[in-house]
Protein backbone atom coordinates (compact mmCIF):
# COMPACT_ATOMS: atom_id res chain seq x y z
CA MET A 1 -19.84 37.39 41.40
CA ASP A 2 -16.22 37.33 41.98
CA GLU A 3 -15.42 39.50 38.37
CA VAL A 4 -18.19 41.98 40.23
CA SER A 5 -17.47 42.38 43.15
CA SER A 6 -13.40 43.02 41.96
CA VAL A 7 -14.48 45.38 39.49
CA CYS A 8 -16.62 47.02 42.05
CA SER A 9 -14.93 46.90 45.17
CA VAL A 10 -13.97 49.69 46.59
CA GLY A 11 -11.23 51.17 49.28
CA GLU A 12 -11.74 52.44 52.92
CA GLU A 13 -11.83 56.34 51.71
CA GLU A 14 -13.90 55.54 48.66
CA GLU A 15 -16.42 54.00 51.26
CA GLU A 16 -16.29 56.54 53.87
CA GLU A 17 -17.54 58.35 51.44
CA GLU A 18 -20.51 56.86 49.99
CA LYS A 19 -21.07 56.55 53.48
CA ASP A 20 -20.71 60.15 54.15
CA CYS A 21 -23.18 60.54 51.47
CA ASP A 22 -25.99 57.73 52.37
CA GLU A 23 -26.39 59.61 55.94
CA GLU A 24 -26.50 63.09 53.59
CA GLU A 25 -28.85 61.74 51.62
CA GLU A 26 -30.78 60.50 54.75
CA GLU A 27 -30.93 63.75 55.99
CA TYR A 28 -33.02 65.22 53.01
CA LYS A 29 -36.43 64.59 55.19
CA THR A 30 -39.92 66.06 53.03
CA GLU A 31 -43.50 65.20 54.40
CA LEU A 32 -42.94 62.87 51.13
CA THR A 33 -39.39 61.02 52.24
CA GLU A 34 -40.70 60.80 55.54
CA LYS A 35 -44.19 58.62 54.72
CA PHE A 36 -42.06 56.49 52.02
CA THR A 37 -39.83 56.02 54.64
CA LYS A 38 -42.54 54.73 57.06
CA LEU A 39 -44.84 52.81 55.02
CA LEU A 40 -41.63 50.58 53.57
CA ASP A 41 -40.92 49.64 57.75
CA GLU A 42 -44.86 48.49 57.71
CA LEU A 43 -44.60 46.62 54.47
CA VAL A 44 -43.32 43.72 57.39
CA ASP A 45 -46.05 43.72 59.53
CA CYS A 46 -48.60 43.07 56.20
CA ASN A 47 -50.43 40.31 54.07
CA GLU A 48 -49.62 40.77 50.34
CA ASP A 49 -52.43 42.30 49.34
CA GLU A 50 -51.73 45.22 52.01
CA GLN A 51 -47.86 45.00 50.84
CA LYS A 52 -49.79 45.40 47.20
CA GLN A 53 -51.86 48.60 48.38
CA LYS A 54 -48.85 50.39 50.00
CA ILE A 55 -46.65 49.74 47.39
CA ASP A 56 -48.67 51.42 45.27
CA GLU A 57 -48.98 54.53 47.17
CA MET A 58 -45.49 54.80 47.78
CA ASN A 59 -45.07 54.34 44.12
CA GLU A 60 -47.45 57.27 43.49
CA MET A 61 -44.98 59.60 46.37
CA VAL A 62 -42.53 57.85 43.82
CA ASN A 63 -43.71 59.99 40.43
CA GLU A 64 -43.81 63.26 42.92
CA MET A 65 -40.23 63.34 43.78
CA ASN A 66 -37.68 65.90 43.53
CA GLU A 67 -33.99 64.80 43.08
CA LYS A 68 -32.94 64.98 46.20
CA GLU A 69 -36.34 63.20 47.79
CA PHE A 70 -34.98 60.39 45.81
CA HIS A 71 -31.77 59.60 46.75
CA SER A 72 -33.23 60.31 49.98
CA ILE A 73 -35.15 56.86 49.58
CA CYS A 74 -32.82 55.14 47.47
CA THR A 75 -30.36 54.16 50.49
CA LYS A 76 -28.35 51.67 50.97
CA LYS A 77 -30.38 51.42 54.35
CA ASN A 78 -33.28 50.96 52.37
CA LEU A 79 -31.96 48.87 49.97
CA ASP A 80 -31.29 46.43 52.41
CA LYS A 81 -34.00 46.94 54.47
CA ILE A 82 -35.81 45.20 51.23
CA ASN A 83 -33.19 42.64 51.18
CA LYS A 84 -33.62 41.33 54.26
CA MET A 85 -37.56 41.61 53.83
CA ILE A 86 -37.24 39.11 50.96
CA GLU A 87 -34.60 36.98 52.99
CA GLU A 88 -36.33 36.37 55.51
CA LYS A 89 -39.82 36.21 53.95
CA LYS A 90 -41.55 39.19 54.49
CA ILE A 91 -42.31 40.46 51.10
CA THR A 92 -43.18 38.76 47.97
CA LEU A 93 -40.71 38.57 45.07
CA GLU A 94 -43.70 39.80 42.66
CA ASN A 95 -44.33 42.70 45.67
CA THR A 96 -40.32 43.64 45.52
CA MET A 97 -40.49 44.13 41.65
CA MET A 98 -43.84 46.23 41.69
CA LEU A 99 -41.68 48.55 43.66
CA MET A 100 -38.53 48.51 41.68
CA ARG A 101 -39.52 48.55 39.01
CA HIS A 102 -41.27 51.92 39.28
CA ILE A 103 -38.55 53.22 40.72
CA ALA A 104 -36.65 51.99 38.53
CA TYR A 105 -38.63 53.95 35.62
CA CYS A 106 -38.69 56.59 37.70
CA ASN A 107 -35.08 56.57 38.06
CA ALA A 108 -34.74 56.59 34.08
CA LEU A 109 -37.24 59.31 33.33
CA ALA A 110 -35.79 61.27 35.53
CA GLU A 111 -32.05 60.11 34.64
CA VAL A 112 -31.12 59.85 38.41
CA TRP A 113 -28.50 57.65 39.49
CA CYS A 114 -29.47 55.38 41.76
CA SER A 115 -25.77 55.30 42.96
CA ASN A 116 -26.03 53.00 46.22
CA PHE A 117 -27.53 50.11 44.67
CA HIS A 118 -24.70 48.84 43.32
CA SER A 119 -23.09 48.44 46.99
CA SER A 120 -26.14 46.24 48.23
CA GLU A 121 -26.84 43.40 49.03
CA LEU A 122 -29.99 43.51 47.14
CA SER A 123 -28.24 44.18 44.23
CA LYS A 124 -26.09 40.89 45.21
CA ARG A 125 -29.43 38.74 45.32
CA PHE A 126 -30.81 40.34 41.72
CA GLU A 127 -27.54 39.76 39.87
CA LYS A 128 -27.51 35.91 41.19
CA MET A 129 -31.66 35.32 41.02
CA ILE A 130 -30.94 36.41 36.97
CA VAL A 131 -28.16 33.66 36.16
CA GLU A 132 -30.19 30.90 38.28
CA GLU A 133 -33.31 31.68 36.88
CA ASP A 134 -31.94 31.51 33.58
CA GLU A 135 -30.24 28.16 33.79
CA LYS A 136 -33.80 26.93 34.82
CA LYS A 137 -34.48 24.05 32.45
CA GLU A 138 -38.26 23.48 33.61
CA GLU A 139 -40.58 25.65 35.10
CA LYS A 140 -38.63 29.44 34.43
CA ASN A 141 -40.36 32.22 35.53
CA GLU A 142 -39.65 34.69 32.64
CA ARG A 143 -42.02 37.41 33.86
CA LEU A 144 -39.44 37.36 37.30
CA LEU A 145 -36.50 36.79 35.05
CA VAL A 146 -37.40 39.68 32.94
CA ASP A 147 -38.37 41.57 35.74
CA LEU A 148 -35.00 41.54 37.43
CA CYS A 149 -32.92 41.99 34.07
CA GLU A 150 -34.83 45.74 33.95
CA CYS A 151 -34.01 46.20 37.57
CA HIS A 152 -30.23 45.08 37.67
CA LEU A 153 -29.75 47.14 33.75
CA ILE A 154 -31.91 50.65 34.93
CA THR A 155 -30.02 50.84 38.31
CA TYR A 156 -26.42 49.24 38.40
CA GLU A 157 -24.10 51.49 38.04
CA CYS A 158 -20.84 49.14 38.14
CA TYR A 159 -19.85 47.11 35.16
CA ILE A 160 -21.79 44.24 34.35
CA PRO A 161 -20.46 40.91 33.34
CA ASP A 162 -20.88 40.19 29.68
CA ASN A 163 -22.67 37.10 30.84
CA ILE A 164 -25.13 39.35 32.40
CA ILE A 165 -25.19 41.24 29.37
CA VAL A 166 -26.22 37.99 27.45
CA ILE A 167 -29.00 36.92 29.12
CA CYS A 168 -30.67 40.67 29.43
CA ILE A 169 -30.78 40.87 25.94
CA LEU A 170 -32.14 37.69 25.28
CA HIS A 171 -35.24 38.00 27.36
CA LEU A 172 -35.46 41.54 27.03
CA LEU A 173 -36.15 41.31 22.73
CA LYS A 174 -38.39 38.19 23.51
CA ALA A 175 -40.61 40.85 26.11
CA ALA A 176 -40.01 43.62 23.98
CA SER A 177 -41.36 41.46 20.36
CA ASN A 178 -45.11 41.08 22.13
CA LYS A 179 -47.24 42.38 19.67
CA GLU A 180 -49.93 42.31 21.53
CA GLU A 181 -52.30 45.38 21.74
CA ASN A 182 -53.06 46.59 25.11
CA GLU A 183 -52.26 49.53 27.60
CA GLU A 184 -50.06 46.46 29.87
CA THR A 185 -48.38 44.92 26.83
CA LYS A 186 -47.21 48.26 25.87
CA GLU A 187 -46.30 49.17 29.22
CA GLU A 188 -44.02 46.09 29.59
CA VAL A 189 -42.65 46.37 26.40
CA GLU A 190 -41.65 50.03 26.45
CA MET A 191 -40.19 49.20 29.85
CA ALA A 192 -37.99 46.18 28.15
CA LEU A 193 -36.77 48.46 25.36
CA LEU A 194 -35.85 51.28 28.01
CA ALA A 195 -33.93 48.78 30.40
CA LEU A 196 -31.58 47.82 26.81
CA THR A 197 -30.79 51.47 26.55
CA TYR A 198 -28.44 51.31 29.65
CA ILE A 199 -26.11 48.56 27.92
CA VAL A 200 -23.16 50.81 27.53
CA ARG A 201 -21.57 51.65 24.40
CA TRP A 202 -17.88 50.20 25.97
CA ASN A 203 -20.33 45.99 25.86
CA LYS A 204 -19.65 44.82 23.26
CA VAL A 205 -22.89 42.58 22.09
CA GLU A 206 -22.41 40.40 18.94
CA ARG A 207 -25.55 41.27 16.53
CA GLU A 208 -26.56 37.54 16.55
CA LEU A 209 -27.77 38.66 19.68
CA TYR A 210 -29.63 41.39 18.86
CA LEU A 211 -30.15 42.59 15.10
CA ASN A 212 -32.62 39.94 13.91
CA GLU A 213 -34.94 41.46 16.66
CA ILE A 214 -34.69 44.59 16.81
CA LYS A 215 -35.11 45.72 12.83
CA GLU A 216 -38.61 43.29 13.37
CA ILE A 217 -39.22 45.86 16.38
CA ILE A 218 -38.20 48.23 14.48
CA GLN A 219 -40.57 48.11 11.05
CA HIS A 220 -43.20 46.09 13.02
CA HIS A 221 -43.70 49.69 14.34
CA GLN A 222 -43.61 51.64 11.30
CA GLU A 223 -46.24 49.34 9.24
CA HIS A 224 -48.77 49.51 12.45
CA HIS A 225 -47.31 52.29 15.04
CA ASN A 226 -47.76 49.89 18.43
CA LEU A 227 -45.12 51.31 20.01
CA THR A 228 -44.76 53.99 22.40
CA HIS A 229 -42.81 57.48 22.03
CA LEU A 230 -40.43 55.70 24.54
CA ALA A 231 -40.38 52.71 23.17
CA TYR A 232 -39.97 53.60 20.01
CA GLN A 233 -36.49 56.29 21.07
CA SER A 234 -34.96 53.12 23.31
CA THR A 235 -35.27 51.44 20.26
CA TRP A 236 -33.26 52.91 18.28
CA GLN A 237 -30.47 53.92 21.17
CA PHE A 238 -30.11 50.32 21.02
CA LEU A 239 -29.02 50.19 18.03
CA ILE A 240 -27.22 52.92 17.93
CA ASN A 241 -25.08 52.58 20.84
CA ARG A 242 -23.88 49.50 19.03
CA PHE A 243 -23.17 50.86 16.03
CA GLU A 244 -19.73 52.38 18.33
CA LYS A 245 -18.77 48.57 17.90
CA ASP A 246 -19.77 47.49 15.18
CA GLU A 247 -19.71 50.51 11.86
CA SER A 248 -21.12 47.46 9.62
CA LEU A 249 -24.32 48.71 11.11
CA GLU A 250 -24.26 51.62 9.43
CA ASP A 251 -26.40 50.53 6.21
CA THR A 252 -28.91 48.50 8.41
CA ILE A 253 -29.13 51.90 10.64
CA MET A 254 -29.64 55.34 7.68
CA ASN A 255 -30.60 53.60 4.63
CA GLU A 256 -32.96 50.04 5.42
CA LEU A 257 -34.32 51.88 8.59
CA HIS A 258 -34.08 55.26 7.53
CA ILE A 259 -33.61 56.65 11.52
CA ILE A 260 -33.36 60.31 10.03
CA ILE A 261 -36.69 60.13 8.83
CA GLU A 262 -37.84 58.48 11.43
CA ALA A 263 -36.68 60.60 14.15
CA ILE A 264 -38.05 63.56 12.38
CA LYS A 265 -41.04 62.31 12.81
CA GLU A 266 -41.11 62.11 16.23
CA LEU A 267 -40.04 65.10 16.89
CA GLU A 268 -42.82 66.60 14.86
CA GLU A 269 -45.19 64.80 17.16
CA LEU A 270 -44.17 65.29 20.30
CA THR A 271 -43.70 69.20 18.92
CA ARG A 272 -46.93 69.04 18.59
CA ASN A 273 -48.28 66.88 21.70
CA VAL A 274 -46.26 69.41 24.81
CA ASN A 275 -48.18 71.62 25.83
CA TRP A 276 -45.45 74.36 26.13
CA LYS A 277 -47.07 77.01 28.11
CA LYS A 278 -46.65 74.86 31.11
CA LYS A 279 -42.84 75.05 31.16
CA ASN A 280 -43.25 77.48 34.26
CA GLU A 281 -45.40 74.87 36.25
CA ARG A 282 -43.07 72.32 35.46
CA GLU A 283 -39.99 74.09 36.42
CA GLU A 284 -41.38 75.05 39.60
CA LYS A 285 -42.34 71.22 40.52
CA GLY A 286 -38.71 70.40 39.23
CA THR A 287 -39.89 68.14 36.44
CA LYS A 288 -40.17 67.58 33.24
CA THR A 289 -43.48 65.97 31.02
CA LYS A 290 -42.76 62.67 29.14
CA GLU A 291 -42.71 64.66 25.85
CA GLU A 292 -39.96 67.04 27.08
CA ILE A 293 -38.20 63.97 28.15
CA ILE A 294 -38.14 62.08 24.82
CA ILE A 295 -37.71 64.65 22.71
CA TRP A 296 -33.98 65.08 25.48
CA ARG A 297 -33.91 61.15 24.48
CA TRP A 298 -33.72 61.76 20.18
CA PHE A 299 -31.35 65.18 20.68
CA ASP A 300 -28.95 62.10 22.57
CA ILE A 301 -29.56 60.22 19.03
CA ILE A 302 -28.89 63.21 16.95
CA SER A 303 -26.07 63.96 18.56
CA ASP A 304 -23.76 61.03 18.34
CA ILE A 305 -25.27 60.73 14.53
CA ILE A 306 -23.46 63.74 13.67
CA SER A 307 -20.79 63.28 15.23
CA GLN A 308 -19.95 60.29 13.09
CA HIS A 309 -19.47 62.11 9.50
CA LYS A 310 -20.07 58.60 7.54
CA LEU A 311 -23.72 58.66 8.48
CA TRP A 312 -24.32 61.76 7.36
CA ASN A 313 -26.63 61.48 4.05
CA GLU A 314 -29.28 63.00 1.95
CA GLU A 315 -31.99 62.68 4.16
CA PHE A 316 -30.61 65.44 6.97
CA VAL A 317 -32.12 67.92 5.03
CA GLY A 318 -35.47 67.17 5.89
CA LEU A 319 -34.24 67.30 9.63
CA ILE A 320 -33.96 70.56 9.24
CA GLY A 321 -37.59 71.65 8.78
CA GLY A 322 -38.05 69.76 12.36
CA LEU A 323 -35.38 71.19 13.94
CA VAL A 324 -36.98 74.77 12.97
CA GLY A 325 -39.95 73.80 13.72
CA LEU A 326 -38.76 72.33 17.74
CA TYR A 327 -37.18 75.93 17.97
CA ARG A 328 -40.16 77.86 17.12
CA ALA A 329 -42.26 76.14 19.40
CA ALA A 330 -40.18 76.10 22.65
CA ASN A 331 -39.27 79.45 22.06
CA ASP A 332 -41.71 80.83 24.23
CA GLY A 333 -41.16 78.24 27.06
CA HIS A 334 -38.15 75.85 26.67
CA ARG A 335 -35.03 78.13 25.97
CA GLU A 336 -33.24 74.87 26.65
CA ILE A 337 -34.32 73.38 24.58
CA CYS A 338 -33.97 75.75 21.44
CA ARG A 339 -30.76 76.20 22.39
CA GLU A 340 -30.07 72.70 21.70
CA CYS A 341 -31.78 72.97 18.41
CA ILE A 342 -29.49 75.94 16.95
CA TYR A 343 -26.37 73.60 18.12
CA PHE A 344 -27.50 71.12 15.68
CA LEU A 345 -28.57 73.36 12.80
CA ARG A 346 -24.80 75.28 13.11
CA PHE A 347 -23.39 71.83 12.58
CA ALA A 348 -25.47 71.41 9.82
CA ALA A 349 -24.61 74.86 8.71
CA ARG A 350 -21.15 73.99 9.00
CA SER A 351 -21.19 70.67 7.16
CA GLU A 352 -20.28 70.76 3.19
CA SER A 353 -22.52 67.69 2.95
CA MET A 354 -25.99 70.54 3.57
CA LYS A 355 -27.07 72.38 1.00
CA VAL A 356 -27.33 76.55 1.96
CA ASP A 357 -30.58 75.94 -0.25
CA ASP A 358 -31.45 73.34 1.97
CA LEU A 359 -30.85 75.34 5.18
CA LEU A 360 -32.49 78.87 3.31
CA GLU A 361 -35.23 76.10 2.66
CA GLY A 362 -35.97 74.28 5.81
CA GLY A 363 -35.97 77.35 7.66
CA ALA A 364 -32.46 77.07 9.62
CA ILE A 365 -31.03 81.16 8.06
CA ASP A 366 -34.30 82.82 9.34
CA THR A 367 -33.50 80.63 13.17
CA PHE A 368 -30.11 81.54 13.30
CA PHE A 369 -31.73 85.79 13.03
CA GLU A 370 -34.47 85.70 15.16
CA GLU A 371 -32.19 84.13 17.93
CA LEU A 372 -29.68 87.03 17.61
CA HIS A 373 -32.90 88.83 18.48
CA GLN A 374 -33.86 87.71 21.93
CA PRO A 375 -34.57 90.20 24.24
CA THR A 376 -31.71 88.19 26.22
CA LEU A 377 -28.58 86.13 24.41
CA GLU A 378 -26.11 83.92 26.03
CA ASP A 379 -22.88 84.10 24.42
CA GLU A 380 -23.33 80.55 23.26
CA ASN A 381 -26.14 81.15 21.01
CA MET A 382 -24.97 84.08 20.08
CA CYS A 383 -21.63 82.01 18.66
CA ASP A 384 -23.02 79.21 17.58
CA CYS A 385 -25.69 81.67 15.31
CA LEU A 386 -22.86 84.17 14.43
CA ASP A 387 -20.65 80.84 13.45
CA ALA A 388 -23.18 79.61 11.22
CA ALA A 389 -23.97 82.70 9.23
CA TYR A 390 -19.88 83.22 9.07
CA ALA A 391 -19.73 79.70 7.61
CA ILE A 392 -22.78 80.56 5.20
CA SER A 393 -21.88 83.41 4.09
CA GLY A 394 -18.29 82.33 3.26
CA ARG A 395 -19.36 79.24 0.67
CA LEU A 396 -21.24 81.77 -0.76
CA GLU A 397 -18.88 84.25 -1.81
CA GLY A 398 -16.37 80.31 -2.30
CA LYS A 399 -13.88 81.23 0.92
CA THR A 400 -13.85 77.85 2.31
CA ASP A 401 -11.70 75.12 2.00
CA GLY A 402 -14.97 73.13 -0.27
CA GLU A 403 -16.07 73.19 -3.41
CA ASN A 404 -18.99 76.09 -3.76
CA ARG A 405 -21.95 73.51 -4.10
CA GLU A 406 -24.90 75.63 -5.38
CA ASP A 407 -23.59 74.83 -9.21
CA GLU A 408 -26.25 76.54 -11.19
CA ASN A 409 -28.31 78.16 -8.62
CA GLY A 410 -25.31 79.60 -7.13
CA GLU A 411 -25.72 83.27 -7.81
CA GLU A 412 -29.32 82.88 -7.21
CA ILE A 413 -29.26 81.43 -4.02
CA ARG A 414 -26.24 84.03 -3.29
CA LYS A 415 -28.22 86.78 -3.42
CA LYS A 416 -31.56 84.99 -1.40
CA VAL A 417 -28.96 85.16 1.36
CA PHE A 418 -27.11 88.18 0.85
CA GLU A 419 -30.93 89.81 0.50
CA LYS A 420 -31.59 88.94 3.88
CA MET A 421 -28.66 89.20 5.75
CA GLU A 422 -28.45 92.85 4.96
CA GLU A 423 -32.58 93.04 5.62
CA GLU A 424 -31.48 91.98 9.05
CA GLY A 425 -28.36 94.12 9.62
CA TYR A 426 -25.89 91.27 10.09
CA GLU A 427 -24.21 90.87 6.88
CA ASP A 428 -21.95 94.40 8.47
CA THR A 429 -21.73 93.13 11.30
CA ILE A 430 -20.27 89.57 9.72
CA THR A 431 -17.74 91.25 7.84
CA SER A 432 -16.65 94.06 10.57
CA PHE A 433 -15.83 91.43 13.13
CA TYR A 434 -14.15 89.04 10.73
CA GLU A 435 -10.71 88.96 13.65
CA THR A 436 -13.86 87.88 16.67
CA ILE A 437 -15.40 85.08 14.59
CA ASP A 438 -12.56 83.73 13.35
CA PHE A 439 -11.48 83.48 17.13
CA LEU A 440 -15.31 81.04 16.96
CA ASN A 441 -13.93 78.18 14.80
CA ASN A 442 -11.63 76.39 17.05
CA GLU A 443 -12.84 74.60 20.12
CA TYR A 444 -12.98 78.13 22.52
CA TYR A 445 -15.71 79.42 20.18
CA TYR A 446 -18.38 79.60 23.19
CA GLU A 447 -15.57 81.90 25.51
CA LEU A 448 -16.57 84.40 23.76
CA SER A 449 -16.41 87.92 25.91
CA LEU A 450 -19.47 89.13 27.93
CA ASP A 451 -18.51 93.21 26.10
CA ILE A 452 -18.65 91.13 22.67
CA SER A 453 -21.72 89.12 24.02
CA ASP A 454 -23.63 92.90 25.23
CA TYR A 455 -22.88 95.04 22.21
CA PHE A 456 -24.85 92.29 20.09
CA VAL A 457 -27.46 92.21 22.45
CA ASN A 458 -27.86 95.67 22.37
CA ILE A 459 -27.29 96.18 18.32
């Protein structure tokens, strides 16, 4: 505990800022947050069953909250209030976990940080209980220990000591390895795996602690499809987080477990499951569907992989079609997702490991032109599309530093691509703007002037 205190201690100025932030959050009151706070205060006067009923109501409210409302209930004052109720035995640990696990789960899905948890008395209690429960030789409460690990990992923003990380990994993987086929088990497995993704990259974790278990979880799902989409994504996220400190995992990730093939399958199924036409309704509420959240989480994994050039292999070819399909499904209602698809496709167009024929057959080149025909076009998207087109054009004409990878079919591919570019009217545009597009090749490509953006919007 001394280590945690020393790492997470703040000066007087920071404490004052935290206090001001806490007060600001309390000032943001809505009917929902006031009702939540009222129910929290009422818990002290209820028996165990009445508490469960009220906590069920509170959890339903958390489901409906936007980011500001969420922060306004997760104040240090409220967290310390819960801690005092535990201390005075006015709330059971089971009921505490019912409330805190749900807050942690919603926190993770919405990517909203419970910024006051690490400085609360409740967090100190949880960490102490994790160690004490783990050290028990007999009558260890495994369910309580897992609940504590989940809440602590997801909501704690500061450095977590290695001994706590080890305890959490061992018990969460044990919970995540439960293969029973029922909804309750699926939810528990999902939560355990989700919590593991909060073991950050800079935490070096010995592979003996997790690798066999994670491989078994992934391979069992590949055969039996027993995990939820979020649980499966979380399994991969945990493994990718470990890769940063252990590059020897590459063969396992790419060639044994085939992450890219699995990412393609997941993105295609998630794409089919999203009701894209209800985007406006979701925007009004400030929420995303669970499927959309998981798509964004897969984007994080794809981004991590493509930034590691050693991980690029032939399986990436199939990813082109998956991203194109997602782009077209999201085009009418979710431009943020479209933007991310374009970014990844641009990266593929510039990669010497990707053949132009693969881009053409996968639909990437059509997608770049479709994006350039949007009635309104942001600078960054336009830059990505033109940069990709320029890269493709240069590779086909032998203007790149790398060798021409189209070998015996090169002439036929060049003809197909140039005909398509000419048909769309962009080859002349690209040729006439070499100076501008050269600018795109440096790290400031996204700063293309608004005047040029306006020109392309009106071509």
